[in-house]
Amino acid sequence: MKQYFDEIGINVTPHQLEQLELFYNLLIQENEKYNLTAITDKTEVYIKHFIDSMIISKLDLPYEHKRFIDIGTGAGFPAIPLKVMYPSIEITGLDALNKRIGFIERACREINVDAMHLIHGRAEDFGQDIKYREKYDYAVSRAVAELRLLLEFVMPFVKVGGHFLAYKSLKTKTELDDANRSLLLMQSKLVDMVTFDLPGNFGKREIMIIEKIGKIDKKYPRKPGVPKKSPL
């Protein structure tokens, strides 16, 4: 599978490839039990999950020794591939389904990664918790919700001056137009939008780089369910 990493210019070591292989095997083994992913073909998992998660390594941003939070981490994407790629980062994965958190805990043990913290719960609750609010250099989120909702879920966790890296498809222009008010209320600005071609003609990935420029009103995020019913 290394040829796909080489094709896009992501450098991985033999040890990192070994960790990803162990993760792939566990993902497929446990998938029937937990319904973790609809993608099971090995090439597709490597490109659509692993490489797609690690695509932010192509951005000119400093990640080493930084604090990350992955909102709606699911089966551990992008959290686990990022932790494999950058062992020095401290990363928190948050998900509302406890069975997914249990799977990630096991995966971390089996592929031998540390400094990865897991939270079972909703972003609306933990974004109000002083232990997590404005504590992270980077937030990431992949295929969770449209941008105007994501901003309310994610930006309360990010430090002023930190960044939200939003993994998006090519509908970003429409989402961005709809998110103008949310960007304003979440004290955020779009810094850049970068498009990548995934290897093997598996399509494109767009990353939105959003910077937090000021403190957010304490009433955000609103209570669970409210942002979805009444988006900003």
C-alpha atoms as a PDB file:
ATOM      1  CA  MET A   1       0.000   0.000   0.000  1.00  0.00           C
ATOM      2  CA  LYS A   2       3.010   2.288   0.314  1.00  0.00           C
ATOM      3  CA  GLN A   3       2.733   3.258  -3.353  1.00  0.00           C
ATOM      4  CA  TYR A   4      -0.458   5.194  -2.604  1.00  0.00           C
ATOM      5  CA  PHE A   5       1.266   7.226   0.108  1.00  0.00           C
ATOM      6  CA  ASP A   6       4.160   7.856  -2.284  1.00  0.00           C
ATOM      7  CA  GLU A   7       1.745   8.931  -5.021  1.00  0.00           C
ATOM      8  CA  ILE A   8       0.377  11.759  -2.927  1.00  0.00           C
ATOM      9  CA  GLY A   9       3.688  12.592  -1.239  1.00  0.00           C
ATOM     10  CA  ILE A  10       2.984  11.419   2.311  1.00  0.00           C
ATOM     11  CA  ASN A  11       6.070   9.936   3.944  1.00  0.00           C
ATOM     12  CA  VAL A  12       5.401   6.903   6.134  1.00  0.00           C
ATOM     13  CA  THR A  13       7.904   4.670   7.889  1.00  0.00           C
ATOM     14  CA  PRO A  14       7.791   0.848   7.928  1.00  0.00           C
ATOM     15  CA  HIS A  15       6.697   1.036  11.579  1.00  0.00           C
ATOM     16  CA  GLN A  16       3.814   3.374  10.718  1.00  0.00           C
ATOM     17  CA  LEU A  17       2.725   1.068   7.880  1.00  0.00           C
ATOM     18  CA  GLU A  18       2.798  -1.837  10.337  1.00  0.00           C
ATOM     19  CA  GLN A  19       0.577   0.092  12.762  1.00  0.00           C
ATOM     20  CA  LEU A  20      -1.895   0.934   9.984  1.00  0.00           C
ATOM     21  CA  GLU A  21      -1.976  -2.697   8.881  1.00  0.00           C
ATOM     22  CA  LEU A  22      -2.791  -3.811  12.436  1.00  0.00           C
ATOM     23  CA  PHE A  23      -5.500  -1.150  12.607  1.00  0.00           C
ATOM     24  CA  TYR A  24      -6.964  -2.270   9.273  1.00  0.00           C
ATOM     25  CA  ASN A  25      -7.118  -5.905  10.384  1.00  0.00           C
ATOM     26  CA  LEU A  26      -8.848  -4.979  13.644  1.00  0.00           C
ATOM     27  CA  LEU A  27     -11.276  -2.640  11.847  1.00  0.00           C
ATOM     28  CA  ILE A  28     -12.371  -5.413   9.483  1.00  0.00           C
ATOM     29  CA  GLN A  29     -12.491  -8.000  12.271  1.00  0.00           C
ATOM     30  CA  GLU A  30     -14.730  -5.860  14.475  1.00  0.00           C
ATOM     31  CA  ASN A  31     -16.784  -4.211  11.746  1.00  0.00           C
ATOM     32  CA  GLU A  32     -19.581  -6.776  11.685  1.00  0.00           C
ATOM     33  CA  LYS A  33     -19.997  -6.429  15.427  1.00  0.00           C
ATOM     34  CA  TYR A  34     -19.942  -2.627  15.631  1.00  0.00           C
ATOM     35  CA  ASN A  35     -20.888  -1.402  12.123  1.00  0.00           C
ATOM     36  CA  LEU A  36     -17.802   0.840  12.034  1.00  0.00           C
ATOM     37  CA  THR A  37     -17.448   1.463   8.310  1.00  0.00           C
ATOM     38  CA  ALA A  38     -19.242   0.759   5.038  1.00  0.00           C
ATOM     39  CA  ILE A  39     -15.842   0.635   3.319  1.00  0.00           C
ATOM     40  CA  THR A  40     -14.078  -2.720   3.732  1.00  0.00           C
ATOM     41  CA  ASP A  41     -11.983  -3.215   0.579  1.00  0.00           C
ATOM     42  CA  LYS A  42      -8.351  -2.871   1.649  1.00  0.00           C
ATOM     43  CA  THR A  43      -7.306  -0.382  -1.013  1.00  0.00           C
ATOM     44  CA  GLU A  44     -10.370   1.752  -0.336  1.00  0.00           C
ATOM     45  CA  VAL A  45      -9.812   1.721   3.432  1.00  0.00           C
ATOM     46  CA  TYR A  46      -6.208   2.798   2.969  1.00  0.00           C
ATOM     47  CA  ILE A  47      -7.078   5.617   0.570  1.00  0.00           C
ATOM     48  CA  LYS A  48     -10.517   6.768   1.759  1.00  0.00           C
ATOM     49  CA  HIS A  49      -9.823   6.418   5.490  1.00  0.00           C
ATOM     50  CA  PHE A  50      -6.083   6.347   6.220  1.00  0.00           C
ATOM     51  CA  ILE A  51      -4.615   8.601   3.526  1.00  0.00           C
ATOM     52  CA  ASP A  52      -7.660  10.862   3.575  1.00  0.00           C
ATOM     53  CA  SER A  53      -7.212  11.306   7.340  1.00  0.00           C
ATOM     54  CA  MET A  54      -3.500  12.035   6.937  1.00  0.00           C
ATOM     55  CA  ILE A  55      -3.961  14.481   4.051  1.00  0.00           C
ATOM     56  CA  ILE A  56      -3.591  17.455   6.415  1.00  0.00           C
ATOM     57  CA  SER A  57       0.123  16.612   6.605  1.00  0.00           C
ATOM     58  CA  LYS A  58       0.296  18.323   3.200  1.00  0.00           C
ATOM     59  CA  LEU A  59      -0.684  21.655   4.757  1.00  0.00           C
ATOM     60  CA  ASP A  60       2.037  24.017   5.908  1.00  0.00           C
ATOM     61  CA  LEU A  61       1.071  23.923   9.588  1.00  0.00           C
ATOM     62  CA  PRO A  62       3.036  22.948  12.716  1.00  0.00           C
ATOM     63  CA  TYR A  63       1.584  19.835  14.363  1.00  0.00           C
ATOM     64  CA  GLU A  64       4.355  18.357  16.509  1.00  0.00           C
ATOM     65  CA  HIS A  65       3.623  18.442  20.269  1.00  0.00           C
ATOM     66  CA  LYS A  66       0.256  20.167  19.687  1.00  0.00           C
ATOM     67  CA  ARG A  67      -3.126  19.312  21.206  1.00  0.00           C
ATOM     68  CA  PHE A  68      -5.849  18.018  18.855  1.00  0.00           C
ATOM     69  CA  ILE A  69      -9.502  17.136  19.296  1.00  0.00           C
ATOM     70  CA  ASP A  70     -11.444  15.026  16.791  1.00  0.00           C
ATOM     71  CA  ILE A  71     -15.158  15.814  16.995  1.00  0.00           C
ATOM     72  CA  GLY A  72     -17.321  12.852  15.979  1.00  0.00           C
ATOM     73  CA  THR A  73     -14.339  10.554  15.629  1.00  0.00           C
ATOM     74  CA  GLY A  74     -16.445   7.493  14.731  1.00  0.00           C
ATOM     75  CA  ALA A  75     -14.112   4.518  14.246  1.00  0.00           C
ATOM     76  CA  GLY A  76     -11.105   6.757  14.893  1.00  0.00           C
ATOM     77  CA  PHE A  77     -10.855   8.821  11.718  1.00  0.00           C
ATOM     78  CA  PRO A  78      -8.913  11.020  11.433  1.00  0.00           C
ATOM     79  CA  ALA A  79      -7.661  10.644  15.035  1.00  0.00           C
ATOM     80  CA  ILE A  80      -5.826   7.310  14.848  1.00  0.00           C
ATOM     81  CA  PRO A  81      -4.060   7.832  11.495  1.00  0.00           C
ATOM     82  CA  LEU A  82      -2.982  11.301  12.680  1.00  0.00           C
ATOM     83  CA  LYS A  83      -1.629   9.842  15.921  1.00  0.00           C
ATOM     84  CA  VAL A  84       0.264   7.197  13.928  1.00  0.00           C
ATOM     85  CA  MET A  85       1.748   9.886  11.720  1.00  0.00           C
ATOM     86  CA  TYR A  86       2.555  12.352  14.514  1.00  0.00           C
ATOM     87  CA  PRO A  87       3.369  10.370  17.691  1.00  0.00           C
ATOM     88  CA  SER A  88       4.178  13.583  19.606  1.00  0.00           C
ATOM     89  CA  ILE A  89       0.672  15.024  19.374  1.00  0.00           C
ATOM     90  CA  GLU A  90      -1.868  14.715  22.163  1.00  0.00           C
ATOM     91  CA  ILE A  91      -5.223  13.911  20.631  1.00  0.00           C
ATOM     92  CA  THR A  92      -8.715  13.592  22.105  1.00  0.00           C
ATOM     93  CA  GLY A  93     -11.452  11.704  20.289  1.00  0.00           C
ATOM     94  CA  LEU A  94     -15.062  12.560  21.085  1.00  0.00           C
ATOM     95  CA  ASP A  95     -18.016  10.471  19.958  1.00  0.00           C
ATOM     96  CA  ALA A  96     -21.609  10.028  21.078  1.00  0.00           C
ATOM     97  CA  LEU A  97     -21.573   6.221  20.662  1.00  0.00           C
ATOM     98  CA  ASN A  98     -19.850   4.324  23.447  1.00  0.00           C
ATOM     99  CA  LYS A  99     -19.282   1.212  21.313  1.00  0.00           C
ATOM    100  CA  ARG A 100     -17.059   3.264  19.008  1.00  0.00           C
ATOM    101  CA  ILE A 101     -15.087   4.615  21.951  1.00  0.00           C
ATOM    102  CA  GLY A 102     -14.563   1.049  23.159  1.00  0.00           C
ATOM    103  CA  PHE A 103     -13.300   0.012  19.734  1.00  0.00           C
ATOM    104  CA  ILE A 104     -10.825   2.913  19.609  1.00  0.00           C
ATOM    105  CA  GLU A 105      -9.530   2.074  23.094  1.00  0.00           C
ATOM    106  CA  ARG A 106      -8.790  -1.459  21.942  1.00  0.00           C
ATOM    107  CA  ALA A 107      -7.243  -0.247  18.683  1.00  0.00           C
ATOM    108  CA  CYS A 108      -4.896   2.104  20.547  1.00  0.00           C
ATOM    109  CA  ARG A 109      -3.701  -0.774  22.727  1.00  0.00           C
ATOM    110  CA  GLU A 110      -3.195  -3.133  19.806  1.00  0.00           C
ATOM    111  CA  ILE A 111      -1.282  -0.719  17.593  1.00  0.00           C
ATOM    112  CA  ASN A 112       0.585   0.732  20.586  1.00  0.00           C
ATOM    113  CA  VAL A 113      -0.225   4.448  20.563  1.00  0.00           C
ATOM    114  CA  ASP A 114      -0.381   6.597  23.683  1.00  0.00           C
ATOM    115  CA  ALA A 115      -1.426  10.141  24.682  1.00  0.00           C
ATOM    116  CA  MET A 116      -4.791   9.560  23.056  1.00  0.00           C
ATOM    117  CA  HIS A 117      -7.788  10.467  25.196  1.00  0.00           C
ATOM    118  CA  LEU A 118     -11.354   9.403  24.524  1.00  0.00           C
ATOM    119  CA  ILE A 119     -14.644  11.026  25.514  1.00  0.00           C
ATOM    120  CA  HIS A 120     -18.061   9.422  25.246  1.00  0.00           C
ATOM    121  CA  GLY A 121     -20.539  12.261  24.849  1.00  0.00           C
ATOM    122  CA  ARG A 122     -21.815  15.149  22.787  1.00  0.00           C
ATOM    123  CA  ALA A 123     -19.903  18.187  21.658  1.00  0.00           C
ATOM    124  CA  GLU A 124     -22.680  20.466  22.952  1.00  0.00           C
ATOM    125  CA  ASP A 125     -22.044  19.261  26.505  1.00  0.00           C
ATOM    126  CA  PHE A 126     -18.260  19.046  26.533  1.00  0.00           C
ATOM    127  CA  GLY A 127     -17.834  22.355  24.708  1.00  0.00           C
ATOM    128  CA  GLN A 128     -19.204  23.978  27.877  1.00  0.00           C
ATOM    129  CA  ASP A 129     -16.811  22.066  30.162  1.00  0.00           C
ATOM    130  CA  ILE A 130     -13.882  24.199  31.370  1.00  0.00           C
ATOM    131  CA  LYS A 131     -11.598  21.130  31.166  1.00  0.00           C
ATOM    132  CA  TYR A 132     -12.041  21.116  27.386  1.00  0.00           C
ATOM    133  CA  ARG A 133     -13.194  24.572  26.352  1.00  0.00           C
ATOM    134  CA  GLU A 134     -10.504  26.558  24.481  1.00  0.00           C
ATOM    135  CA  LYS A 135      -7.856  23.932  25.287  1.00  0.00           C
ATOM    136  CA  TYR A 136      -6.879  22.726  21.796  1.00  0.00           C
ATOM    137  CA  ASP A 137      -4.486  23.999  19.126  1.00  0.00           C
ATOM    138  CA  TYR A 138      -6.353  22.104  16.412  1.00  0.00           C
ATOM    139  CA  ALA A 139      -9.797  20.621  15.994  1.00  0.00           C
ATOM    140  CA  VAL A 140     -10.569  18.185  13.204  1.00  0.00           C
ATOM    141  CA  SER A 141     -13.831  16.713  12.016  1.00  0.00           C
ATOM    142  CA  ARG A 142     -14.608  14.465   9.090  1.00  0.00           C
ATOM    143  CA  ALA A 143     -18.023  13.815   7.534  1.00  0.00           C
ATOM    144  CA  VAL A 144     -20.021  14.854  10.604  1.00  0.00           C
ATOM    145  CA  ALA A 145     -22.316  17.766   9.653  1.00  0.00           C
ATOM    146  CA  GLU A 146     -22.621  20.841   7.473  1.00  0.00           C
ATOM    147  CA  LEU A 147     -20.254  23.693   8.259  1.00  0.00           C
ATOM    148  CA  ARG A 148     -22.667  26.069  10.031  1.00  0.00           C
ATOM    149  CA  LEU A 149     -23.488  23.302  12.524  1.00  0.00           C
ATOM    150  CA  LEU A 150     -19.905  22.104  12.825  1.00  0.00           C
ATOM    151  CA  LEU A 151     -18.640  25.540  13.768  1.00  0.00           C
ATOM    152  CA  GLU A 152     -20.882  25.658  16.834  1.00  0.00           C
ATOM    153  CA  PHE A 153     -19.897  22.119  17.799  1.00  0.00           C
ATOM    154  CA  VAL A 154     -16.164  22.586  17.241  1.00  0.00           C
ATOM    155  CA  MET A 155     -14.964  26.149  17.785  1.00  0.00           C
ATOM    156  CA  PRO A 156     -15.635  26.300  21.554  1.00  0.00           C
ATOM    157  CA  PHE A 157     -12.882  23.669  21.983  1.00  0.00           C
ATOM    158  CA  VAL A 158     -10.276  25.665  20.014  1.00  0.00           C
ATOM    159  CA  LYS A 159      -7.858  28.130  21.584  1.00  0.00           C
ATOM    160  CA  VAL A 160      -7.892  31.705  20.306  1.00  0.00           C
ATOM    161  CA  GLY A 161      -5.309  31.614  17.516  1.00  0.00           C
ATOM    162  CA  GLY A 162      -5.902  27.880  16.987  1.00  0.00           C
ATOM    163  CA  HIS A 163      -7.396  26.257  13.906  1.00  0.00           C
ATOM    164  CA  PHE A 164     -10.262  24.041  12.848  1.00  0.00           C
ATOM    165  CA  LEU A 165      -9.342  21.761   9.932  1.00  0.00           C
ATOM    166  CA  ALA A 166     -12.642  20.739   8.346  1.00  0.00           C
ATOM    167  CA  TYR A 167     -12.553  17.750   6.009  1.00  0.00           C
ATOM    168  CA  LYS A 168     -15.097  18.503   3.301  1.00  0.00           C
ATOM    169  CA  SER A 169     -16.315  17.283  -0.069  1.00  0.00           C
ATOM    170  CA  LEU A 170     -16.638  19.605  -3.038  1.00  0.00           C
ATOM    171  CA  LYS A 171     -19.874  21.209  -1.783  1.00  0.00           C
ATOM    172  CA  THR A 172     -17.853  23.607   0.322  1.00  0.00           C
ATOM    173  CA  LYS A 173     -18.845  26.777  -1.556  1.00  0.00           C
ATOM    174  CA  THR A 174     -22.530  26.239  -0.706  1.00  0.00           C
ATOM    175  CA  GLU A 175     -21.716  25.322   2.906  1.00  0.00           C
ATOM    176  CA  LEU A 176     -19.493  28.373   3.245  1.00  0.00           C
ATOM    177  CA  ASP A 177     -22.209  30.688   1.942  1.00  0.00           C
ATOM    178  CA  ASP A 178     -24.639  29.250   4.496  1.00  0.00           C
ATOM    179  CA  ALA A 179     -22.113  29.611   7.332  1.00  0.00           C
ATOM    180  CA  ASN A 180     -21.443  33.357   7.234  1.00  0.00           C
ATOM    181  CA  ARG A 181     -23.429  34.083  10.411  1.00  0.00           C
ATOM    182  CA  SER A 182     -21.987  31.063  12.197  1.00  0.00           C
ATOM    183  CA  LEU A 183     -18.431  32.161  11.364  1.00  0.00           C
ATOM    184  CA  LEU A 184     -19.176  35.585  12.828  1.00  0.00           C
ATOM    185  CA  LEU A 185     -20.752  34.271  16.046  1.00  0.00           C
ATOM    186  CA  MET A 186     -18.026  31.649  16.478  1.00  0.00           C
ATOM    187  CA  GLN A 187     -15.334  34.343  16.221  1.00  0.00           C
ATOM    188  CA  SER A 188     -13.808  32.535  13.247  1.00  0.00           C
ATOM    189  CA  LYS A 189     -12.436  33.282   9.801  1.00  0.00           C
ATOM    190  CA  LEU A 190     -11.634  31.133   6.800  1.00  0.00           C
ATOM    191  CA  VAL A 191      -7.872  31.252   6.226  1.00  0.00           C
ATOM    192  CA  ASP A 192      -7.610  28.910   3.256  1.00  0.00           C
ATOM    193  CA  MET A 193      -9.345  26.139   1.349  1.00  0.00           C
ATOM    194  CA  VAL A 194      -7.079  23.489  -0.171  1.00  0.00           C
ATOM    195  CA  THR A 195      -8.118  20.743  -2.591  1.00  0.00           C
ATOM    196  CA  PHE A 196      -6.264  17.439  -2.903  1.00  0.00           C
ATOM    197  CA  ASP A 197      -6.580  14.612  -5.417  1.00  0.00           C
ATOM    198  CA  LEU A 198      -6.693  11.295  -3.605  1.00  0.00           C
ATOM    199  CA  PRO A 199      -4.477   8.529  -5.050  1.00  0.00           C
ATOM    200  CA  GLY A 200      -5.839   5.903  -7.420  1.00  0.00           C
ATOM    201  CA  ASN A 201      -8.488   8.235  -8.887  1.00  0.00           C
ATOM    202  CA  PHE A 202     -10.556   8.010  -5.716  1.00  0.00           C
ATOM    203  CA  GLY A 203     -11.780  11.582  -5.975  1.00  0.00           C
ATOM    204  CA  LYS A 204     -10.944  14.824  -4.239  1.00  0.00           C
ATOM    205  CA  ARG A 205     -10.758  16.069  -0.658  1.00  0.00           C
ATOM    206  CA  GLU A 206     -11.107  19.683   0.371  1.00  0.00           C
ATOM    207  CA  ILE A 207      -9.703  20.983   3.657  1.00  0.00           C
ATOM    208  CA  MET A 208     -11.031  24.214   5.083  1.00  0.00           C
ATOM    209  CA  ILE A 209      -8.580  25.960   7.421  1.00  0.00           C
ATOM    210  CA  ILE A 210     -10.544  28.089   9.879  1.00  0.00           C
ATOM    211  CA  GLU A 211      -8.831  30.232  12.501  1.00  0.00           C
ATOM    212  CA  LYS A 212     -10.352  31.241  15.821  1.00  0.00           C
ATOM    213  CA  ILE A 213      -9.797  34.972  16.244  1.00  0.00           C
ATOM    214  CA  GLY A 214     -11.597  35.730  19.518  1.00  0.00           C
ATOM    215  CA  LYS A 215     -13.493  34.313  22.490  1.00  0.00           C
ATOM    216  CA  ILE A 216     -16.961  32.927  21.884  1.00  0.00           C
ATOM    217  CA  ASP A 217     -20.018  33.947  23.913  1.00  0.00           C
ATOM    218  CA  LYS A 218     -20.470  31.479  26.788  1.00  0.00           C
ATOM    219  CA  LYS A 219     -23.970  30.575  25.629  1.00  0.00           C
ATOM    220  CA  TYR A 220     -22.388  28.568  22.799  1.00  0.00           C
ATOM    221  CA  PRO A 221     -22.576  25.720  22.148  1.00  0.00           C
ATOM    222  CA  ARG A 222     -26.273  25.584  22.897  1.00  0.00           C
ATOM    223  CA  LYS A 223     -27.941  22.567  24.503  1.00  0.00           C
ATOM    224  CA  PRO A 224     -27.932  19.193  22.676  1.00  0.00           C
ATOM    225  CA  GLY A 225     -30.357  19.159  19.767  1.00  0.00           C
ATOM    226  CA  VAL A 226     -30.783  22.937  19.573  1.00  0.00           C
ATOM    227  CA  PRO A 227     -28.065  23.659  16.958  1.00  0.00           C
ATOM    228  CA  LYS A 228     -29.543  21.085  14.578  1.00  0.00           C
ATOM    229  CA  LYS A 229     -33.102  22.381  15.024  1.00  0.00           C
ATOM    230  CA  SER A 230     -32.069  26.030  14.795  1.00  0.00           C
ATOM    231  CA  PRO A 231     -28.715  26.438  12.956  1.00  0.00           C
ATOM    232  CA  LEU A 232     -26.913  29.745  13.342  1.00  0.00           C
END
